[in-house]
Amino acid sequence: MISTTVTTSGDAICFEPAGLVPFGRAWAWQRELQQRLLDDPTTPEAVVLLEHEPCYTLGRGADPAFLGFDPAHPPAPLFRIDRGGEVTHHCPGQLVLYPVLNLQRHGADLHVYLRELEEVVITLLAELGLQAGRLDGLTGVWLEGRKLAAIGVGARRWVTQHGLALNVDADLQGFDHVVPCGIRDRSVGRVADWCPGLSASDLRGPLLETFSRRFGLTLRTPSPQEALQGW
């Protein structure tokens, strides 16, 4: 039986790097934060909020048939990573939230965790007057049949990596090179299509606030001792 008795103060470190972050660097940060929690379960949890340089990522079991290009010559860097799900695209104007949590502090249920991440986005968009939601059998957040947020996670011994990607004012052309999330009959969208003039920077604070409320966390900036390698 999985123990769920680990206590927490609700304190979590929030990393918000400036500018666009290469995917490889952010992935290394997540692995570093994950290892800290694995080595010492009393270590504070963490969340990283950023925008990526253009890239594509494939889940650990993703089918290359959903790529519209030769993986040896991608139009932007391509990574096969340790999360669930198929191919997705990251680019400027898309907010990417990477929570590194000990799920034993949050119910020890990966499927519930996925639904909670979806609920963060649904709640955030509701505050903008948008009635987004789920589609049966599909992961992510949808509005009028278009996917606004992709969800994909990985975990080692209940400590999470990866998370959610919300298209705010991103240029969606990069998605034309793939079948996003392996779903051929659904298109992607962005929040700015319903809220003209909204930018990713406008939603950074509201997204963090909504996430912290949902998970009962108080976010704080890292101390010098908590800085990440290459930060």
Foldseek 3Di string as FASTA:
>chain_A
DDALPDDAPQAEAEAEDPDADAPVVVVQQLVVQLVVCVVPVHDHWYKYKYAHAKEKEAEQPADCVQFLDDQVDDPHHYYYDHKDFGMDITHFQKIWMWTFDQCSNVPLDVVVVQVLLQVLVCVLVVVVVFRWDDDPPDGAIDGPQAGQKHFIWHDDNRTITGTMIGRAPDDCPSCVRGCHRVDNPTHHDHNCVVVPPDTPVNCPVVSVVSSSVSRVHDYDHDDPVPDDVVD
